[in-house]
Amino acid sequence: MIRSVLAGLLLLTVWLAACGRSSADTAVLSGGETTEITIQGFSFGDPATATVGASVKVTNNDTTTHTWTSRDGVFDSGRLAEQATFEFVFDEPGEYEFFCTIHPSMTGSITVTE
């Protein structure tokens, strides 16, 4: 009886953990491709490309806090401290422009294809 209850609790815990995962977590866990954007020197680097369903991982390598925020409200990393990362999965193709809300002169774009 106790084993049945414990097994049930374990299954419930696993199910609840799976329901709380974001699409970015799912892409990484499933071994999908990942596009990396590195914030360094107050820059997002060159324009990036990704495919629909791929995980985009943004890493802040600067010593100051930045954000990775889309101009059209599709994504917003919130504040990324030094060495912090943020992952996002695009579900629609298109060109997305982004900027840092703390340093608005920092801009970039990512093209997402099918």
N, C-alpha and C. Protein backbone atom coordinates (compact mmCIF):
# COMPACT_ATOMS: atom_id res chain seq x y z
N MET A 1 0.82 -1.19 0.00
CA MET A 1 0.00 0.00 0.00
C MET A 1 0.88 1.26 0.00
N ILE A 2 1.87 1.29 0.90
CA ILE A 2 2.74 2.46 0.97
C ILE A 2 3.51 2.62 -0.33
N ARG A 3 3.97 1.51 -0.91
CA ARG A 3 4.69 1.57 -2.19
C ARG A 3 3.80 2.14 -3.28
N SER A 4 2.54 1.78 -3.30
CA SER A 4 1.60 2.29 -4.31
C SER A 4 1.42 3.79 -4.17
N VAL A 5 1.29 4.25 -2.94
CA VAL A 5 1.13 5.69 -2.68
C VAL A 5 2.39 6.43 -3.11
N LEU A 6 3.55 5.90 -2.74
CA LEU A 6 4.82 6.55 -3.11
C LEU A 6 5.00 6.56 -4.63
N ALA A 7 4.67 5.47 -5.28
CA ALA A 7 4.77 5.41 -6.74
C ALA A 7 3.83 6.43 -7.37
N GLY A 8 2.64 6.56 -6.84
CA GLY A 8 1.68 7.54 -7.34
C GLY A 8 2.18 8.96 -7.16
N LEU A 9 2.76 9.23 -6.01
CA LEU A 9 3.32 10.57 -5.76
C LEU A 9 4.49 10.86 -6.69
N LEU A 10 5.31 9.87 -6.95
CA LEU A 10 6.43 10.04 -7.86
C LEU A 10 5.93 10.36 -9.27
N LEU A 11 4.94 9.62 -9.74
CA LEU A 11 4.38 9.88 -11.07
C LEU A 11 3.75 11.26 -11.14
N LEU A 12 3.05 11.66 -10.10
CA LEU A 12 2.44 12.99 -10.06
C LEU A 12 3.51 14.07 -10.11
N THR A 13 4.59 13.89 -9.36
CA THR A 13 5.69 14.86 -9.35
C THR A 13 6.32 14.99 -10.74
N VAL A 14 6.57 13.86 -11.39
CA VAL A 14 7.15 13.88 -12.74
C VAL A 14 6.20 14.58 -13.70
N TRP A 15 4.92 14.27 -13.63
CA TRP A 15 3.93 14.87 -14.52
C TRP A 15 3.86 16.39 -14.30
N LEU A 16 3.82 16.82 -13.03
CA LEU A 16 3.77 18.25 -12.74
C LEU A 16 5.03 18.96 -13.22
N ALA A 17 6.18 18.35 -13.06
CA ALA A 17 7.43 18.96 -13.52
C ALA A 17 7.41 19.11 -15.03
N ALA A 18 6.89 18.12 -15.74
CA ALA A 18 6.82 18.18 -17.20
C ALA A 18 5.87 19.27 -17.65
N CYS A 19 4.78 19.46 -16.95
CA CYS A 19 3.81 20.50 -17.32
C CYS A 19 4.36 21.89 -17.11
N GLY A 20 5.30 22.05 -16.21
CA GLY A 20 5.87 23.36 -15.93
C GLY A 20 7.00 23.75 -16.84
N ARG A 21 7.43 22.88 -17.75
CA ARG A 21 8.55 23.19 -18.64
C ARG A 21 8.12 24.15 -19.72
N SER A 22 9.03 25.05 -20.08
CA SER A 22 8.77 25.95 -21.20
C SER A 22 9.13 25.24 -22.49
N SER A 23 8.74 25.85 -23.62
CA SER A 23 9.08 25.25 -24.91
C SER A 23 10.59 25.25 -25.12
N ALA A 24 11.30 26.22 -24.53
CA ALA A 24 12.76 26.23 -24.65
C ALA A 24 13.35 25.02 -23.95
N ASP A 25 12.84 24.69 -22.76
CA ASP A 25 13.33 23.51 -22.05
C ASP A 25 13.09 22.26 -22.88
N THR A 26 11.94 22.15 -23.49
CA THR A 26 11.61 20.98 -24.28
C THR A 26 12.57 20.82 -25.45
N ALA A 27 12.87 21.93 -26.14
CA ALA A 27 13.78 21.84 -27.29
C ALA A 27 15.16 21.38 -26.86
N VAL A 28 15.64 21.89 -25.75
CA VAL A 28 16.96 21.51 -25.28
C VAL A 28 16.96 20.05 -24.85
N LEU A 29 15.91 19.63 -24.13
CA LEU A 29 15.85 18.26 -23.65
C LEU A 29 15.68 17.26 -24.79
N SER A 30 15.02 17.67 -25.87
CA SER A 30 14.80 16.75 -26.98
C SER A 30 15.99 16.69 -27.92
N GLY A 31 17.03 17.47 -27.66
CA GLY A 31 18.22 17.44 -28.50
C GLY A 31 18.09 18.27 -29.75
N GLY A 32 17.12 19.19 -29.80
CA GLY A 32 16.95 20.06 -30.95
C GLY A 32 18.14 20.98 -31.13
N GLU A 33 18.20 21.62 -32.29
CA GLU A 33 19.31 22.52 -32.55
C GLU A 33 19.20 23.77 -31.69
N THR A 34 20.34 24.40 -31.44
CA THR A 34 20.38 25.61 -30.63
C THR A 34 21.16 26.69 -31.36
N THR A 35 20.60 27.89 -31.42
CA THR A 35 21.29 29.06 -31.94
C THR A 35 21.75 29.87 -30.74
N GLU A 36 23.00 30.31 -30.77
CA GLU A 36 23.56 31.06 -29.64
C GLU A 36 23.72 32.54 -30.00
N ILE A 37 23.29 33.39 -29.10
CA ILE A 37 23.53 34.83 -29.20
C ILE A 37 24.31 35.21 -27.95
N THR A 38 25.46 35.85 -28.15
CA THR A 38 26.30 36.24 -27.03
C THR A 38 26.33 37.76 -26.92
N ILE A 39 25.98 38.25 -25.75
CA ILE A 39 26.07 39.68 -25.47
C ILE A 39 27.47 39.94 -24.95
N GLN A 40 28.21 40.79 -25.67
CA GLN A 40 29.58 41.10 -25.27
C GLN A 40 29.96 42.45 -25.85
N GLY A 41 30.62 43.27 -25.04
CA GLY A 41 31.04 44.59 -25.51
C GLY A 41 29.86 45.47 -25.87
N PHE A 42 28.78 45.36 -25.10
CA PHE A 42 27.54 46.12 -25.35
C PHE A 42 27.03 45.88 -26.76
N SER A 43 27.10 44.63 -27.22
CA SER A 43 26.64 44.25 -28.55
C SER A 43 26.04 42.85 -28.52
N PHE A 44 25.06 42.64 -29.41
CA PHE A 44 24.48 41.31 -29.58
C PHE A 44 25.20 40.52 -30.67
N GLY A 45 26.21 41.12 -31.28
CA GLY A 45 26.94 40.46 -32.35
C GLY A 45 26.21 40.59 -33.67
N ASP A 46 26.62 39.76 -34.63
CA ASP A 46 26.03 39.79 -35.97
C ASP A 46 24.58 39.32 -35.93
N PRO A 47 23.81 39.71 -36.97
CA PRO A 47 22.43 39.19 -37.03
C PRO A 47 22.44 37.66 -36.97
N ALA A 48 21.47 37.11 -36.28
CA ALA A 48 21.40 35.66 -36.06
C ALA A 48 20.33 35.04 -36.96
N THR A 49 20.45 33.72 -37.13
CA THR A 49 19.42 32.96 -37.84
C THR A 49 19.08 31.72 -37.03
N ALA A 50 17.86 31.27 -37.17
CA ALA A 50 17.39 30.07 -36.48
C ALA A 50 16.25 29.48 -37.30
N THR A 51 15.89 28.25 -36.98
CA THR A 51 14.73 27.64 -37.61
C THR A 51 13.61 27.53 -36.59
N VAL A 52 12.38 27.50 -37.08
CA VAL A 52 11.23 27.33 -36.21
C VAL A 52 11.43 26.07 -35.37
N GLY A 53 11.21 26.18 -34.08
CA GLY A 53 11.36 25.05 -33.18
C GLY A 53 12.73 24.90 -32.56
N ALA A 54 13.70 25.65 -33.08
CA ALA A 54 15.05 25.60 -32.51
C ALA A 54 15.10 26.47 -31.26
N SER A 55 15.95 26.08 -30.34
CA SER A 55 16.15 26.86 -29.12
C SER A 55 17.16 27.97 -29.41
N VAL A 56 16.85 29.18 -28.98
CA VAL A 56 17.79 30.30 -29.09
C VAL A 56 18.26 30.60 -27.68
N LYS A 57 19.56 30.49 -27.47
CA LYS A 57 20.14 30.70 -26.14
C LYS A 57 20.93 32.01 -26.16
N VAL A 58 20.56 32.92 -25.27
CA VAL A 58 21.23 34.21 -25.16
C VAL A 58 22.05 34.20 -23.87
N THR A 59 23.34 34.53 -23.99
CA THR A 59 24.24 34.55 -22.84
C THR A 59 24.83 35.95 -22.70
N ASN A 60 24.78 36.50 -21.49
CA ASN A 60 25.36 37.81 -21.23
C ASN A 60 26.80 37.64 -20.74
N ASN A 61 27.75 37.96 -21.61
CA ASN A 61 29.17 37.90 -21.23
C ASN A 61 29.73 39.25 -20.82
N ASP A 62 28.88 40.26 -20.71
CA ASP A 62 29.32 41.56 -20.23
C ASP A 62 29.31 41.57 -18.70
N THR A 63 29.96 42.57 -18.12
CA THR A 63 30.00 42.68 -16.66
C THR A 63 28.86 43.55 -16.13
N THR A 64 27.94 43.92 -17.01
CA THR A 64 26.77 44.70 -16.61
C THR A 64 25.50 43.98 -17.06
N THR A 65 24.41 44.32 -16.45
CA THR A 65 23.12 43.70 -16.76
C THR A 65 22.56 44.21 -18.09
N HIS A 66 21.96 43.29 -18.86
CA HIS A 66 21.31 43.63 -20.12
C HIS A 66 19.97 42.89 -20.20
N THR A 67 19.18 43.22 -21.23
CA THR A 67 17.98 42.44 -21.56
C THR A 67 18.05 42.06 -23.03
N TRP A 68 17.28 41.05 -23.40
CA TRP A 68 17.08 40.66 -24.80
C TRP A 68 15.58 40.74 -25.01
N THR A 69 15.13 41.83 -25.63
CA THR A 69 13.72 42.16 -25.69
C THR A 69 13.30 42.43 -27.13
N SER A 70 12.25 41.77 -27.59
CA SER A 70 11.78 42.00 -28.97
C SER A 70 11.00 43.30 -29.04
N ARG A 71 11.10 43.93 -30.18
CA ARG A 71 10.37 45.19 -30.40
C ARG A 71 8.87 44.96 -30.48
N ASP A 72 8.45 43.75 -30.87
CA ASP A 72 7.03 43.47 -31.04
C ASP A 72 6.42 42.68 -29.88
N GLY A 73 7.15 42.52 -28.77
CA GLY A 73 6.61 41.88 -27.58
C GLY A 73 6.58 40.35 -27.61
N VAL A 74 7.25 39.72 -28.58
CA VAL A 74 7.24 38.26 -28.68
C VAL A 74 8.06 37.62 -27.56
N PHE A 75 9.18 38.21 -27.18
CA PHE A 75 10.03 37.66 -26.12
C PHE A 75 10.66 38.77 -25.31
N ASP A 76 10.98 38.47 -24.08
CA ASP A 76 11.68 39.40 -23.18
C ASP A 76 12.39 38.57 -22.12
N SER A 77 13.69 38.67 -22.11
CA SER A 77 14.48 37.88 -21.16
C SER A 77 14.38 38.39 -19.74
N GLY A 78 13.93 39.62 -19.57
CA GLY A 78 14.07 40.25 -18.26
C GLY A 78 15.55 40.59 -18.08
N ARG A 79 15.93 40.99 -16.90
CA ARG A 79 17.32 41.39 -16.65
C ARG A 79 18.23 40.17 -16.60
N LEU A 80 19.29 40.22 -17.41
CA LEU A 80 20.30 39.16 -17.45
C LEU A 80 21.59 39.68 -16.82
N ALA A 81 21.91 39.20 -15.65
CA ALA A 81 23.16 39.58 -14.99
C ALA A 81 24.34 38.94 -15.73
N GLU A 82 25.54 39.27 -15.32
CA GLU A 82 26.75 38.69 -15.91
C GLU A 82 26.68 37.16 -15.89
N GLN A 83 26.94 36.56 -17.04
CA GLN A 83 26.95 35.11 -17.26
C GLN A 83 25.57 34.45 -17.20
N ALA A 84 24.52 35.24 -17.06
CA ALA A 84 23.16 34.68 -17.07
C ALA A 84 22.77 34.30 -18.49
N THR A 85 21.87 33.32 -18.60
CA THR A 85 21.38 32.89 -19.90
C THR A 85 19.86 32.93 -19.93
N PHE A 86 19.33 32.97 -21.15
CA PHE A 86 17.90 32.94 -21.38
C PHE A 86 17.67 32.13 -22.65
N GLU A 87 16.67 31.27 -22.65
CA GLU A 87 16.38 30.48 -23.84
C GLU A 87 14.95 30.71 -24.29
N PHE A 88 14.77 30.69 -25.60
CA PHE A 88 13.46 30.92 -26.20
C PHE A 88 13.34 30.08 -27.46
N VAL A 89 12.14 29.60 -27.74
CA VAL A 89 11.88 28.82 -28.95
C VAL A 89 10.86 29.59 -29.79
N PHE A 90 11.23 29.90 -31.03
CA PHE A 90 10.32 30.57 -31.95
C PHE A 90 9.39 29.55 -32.59
N ASP A 91 8.09 29.87 -32.62
CA ASP A 91 7.14 28.97 -33.27
C ASP A 91 6.59 29.54 -34.57
N GLU A 92 7.07 30.72 -34.96
CA GLU A 92 6.65 31.36 -36.21
C GLU A 92 7.87 31.87 -36.96
N PRO A 93 7.93 31.67 -38.27
CA PRO A 93 9.03 32.25 -39.05
C PRO A 93 8.87 33.77 -39.13
N GLY A 94 9.96 34.44 -39.41
CA GLY A 94 9.92 35.89 -39.57
C GLY A 94 11.22 36.53 -39.16
N GLU A 95 11.28 37.84 -39.29
CA GLU A 95 12.45 38.59 -38.85
C GLU A 95 12.03 39.34 -37.60
N TYR A 96 12.79 39.14 -36.53
CA TYR A 96 12.49 39.72 -35.24
C TYR A 96 13.61 40.68 -34.84
N GLU A 97 13.24 41.94 -34.61
CA GLU A 97 14.21 42.91 -34.13
C GLU A 97 14.15 42.94 -32.62
N PHE A 98 15.32 43.15 -32.00
CA PHE A 98 15.38 43.18 -30.54
C PHE A 98 16.34 44.25 -30.07
N PHE A 99 16.28 44.54 -28.77
CA PHE A 99 17.14 45.56 -28.17
C PHE A 99 17.28 45.29 -26.68
N CYS A 100 18.14 46.05 -26.05
CA CYS A 100 18.31 46.00 -24.60
C CYS A 100 17.53 47.17 -24.01
N THR A 101 16.58 46.89 -23.12
CA THR A 101 15.78 47.97 -22.55
C THR A 101 16.60 48.88 -21.64
N ILE A 102 17.71 48.38 -21.14
CA ILE A 102 18.58 49.18 -20.26
C ILE A 102 19.50 50.07 -21.10
N HIS A 103 19.94 49.55 -22.25
CA HIS A 103 20.84 50.27 -23.16
C HIS A 103 20.20 50.24 -24.56
N PRO A 104 19.21 51.11 -24.82
CA PRO A 104 18.42 51.03 -26.06
C PRO A 104 19.23 51.15 -27.36
N SER A 105 20.46 51.63 -27.27
CA SER A 105 21.27 51.69 -28.49
C SER A 105 21.78 50.31 -28.90
N MET A 106 21.68 49.34 -28.00
CA MET A 106 22.04 47.96 -28.32
C MET A 106 20.87 47.32 -29.07
N THR A 107 21.07 47.01 -30.33
CA THR A 107 20.00 46.44 -31.14
C THR A 107 20.52 45.24 -31.91
N GLY A 108 19.60 44.46 -32.42
CA GLY A 108 19.97 43.32 -33.25
C GLY A 108 18.75 42.72 -33.90
N SER A 109 18.96 41.65 -34.64
CA SER A 109 17.84 40.96 -35.28
C SER A 109 18.15 39.48 -35.43
N ILE A 110 17.07 38.72 -35.55
CA ILE A 110 17.18 37.30 -35.81
C ILE A 110 16.16 36.93 -36.87
N THR A 111 16.61 36.17 -37.86
CA THR A 111 15.72 35.68 -38.91
C THR A 111 15.39 34.24 -38.61
N VAL A 112 14.10 33.92 -38.52
CA VAL A 112 13.64 32.58 -38.22
C VAL A 112 12.98 32.01 -39.47
N THR A 113 13.48 30.86 -39.92
CA THR A 113 12.96 30.22 -41.14
C THR A 113 12.30 28.90 -40.81
N GLU A 114 11.52 28.40 -41.75
CA GLU A 114 10.84 27.09 -41.60
C GLU A 114 11.85 25.98 -41.60
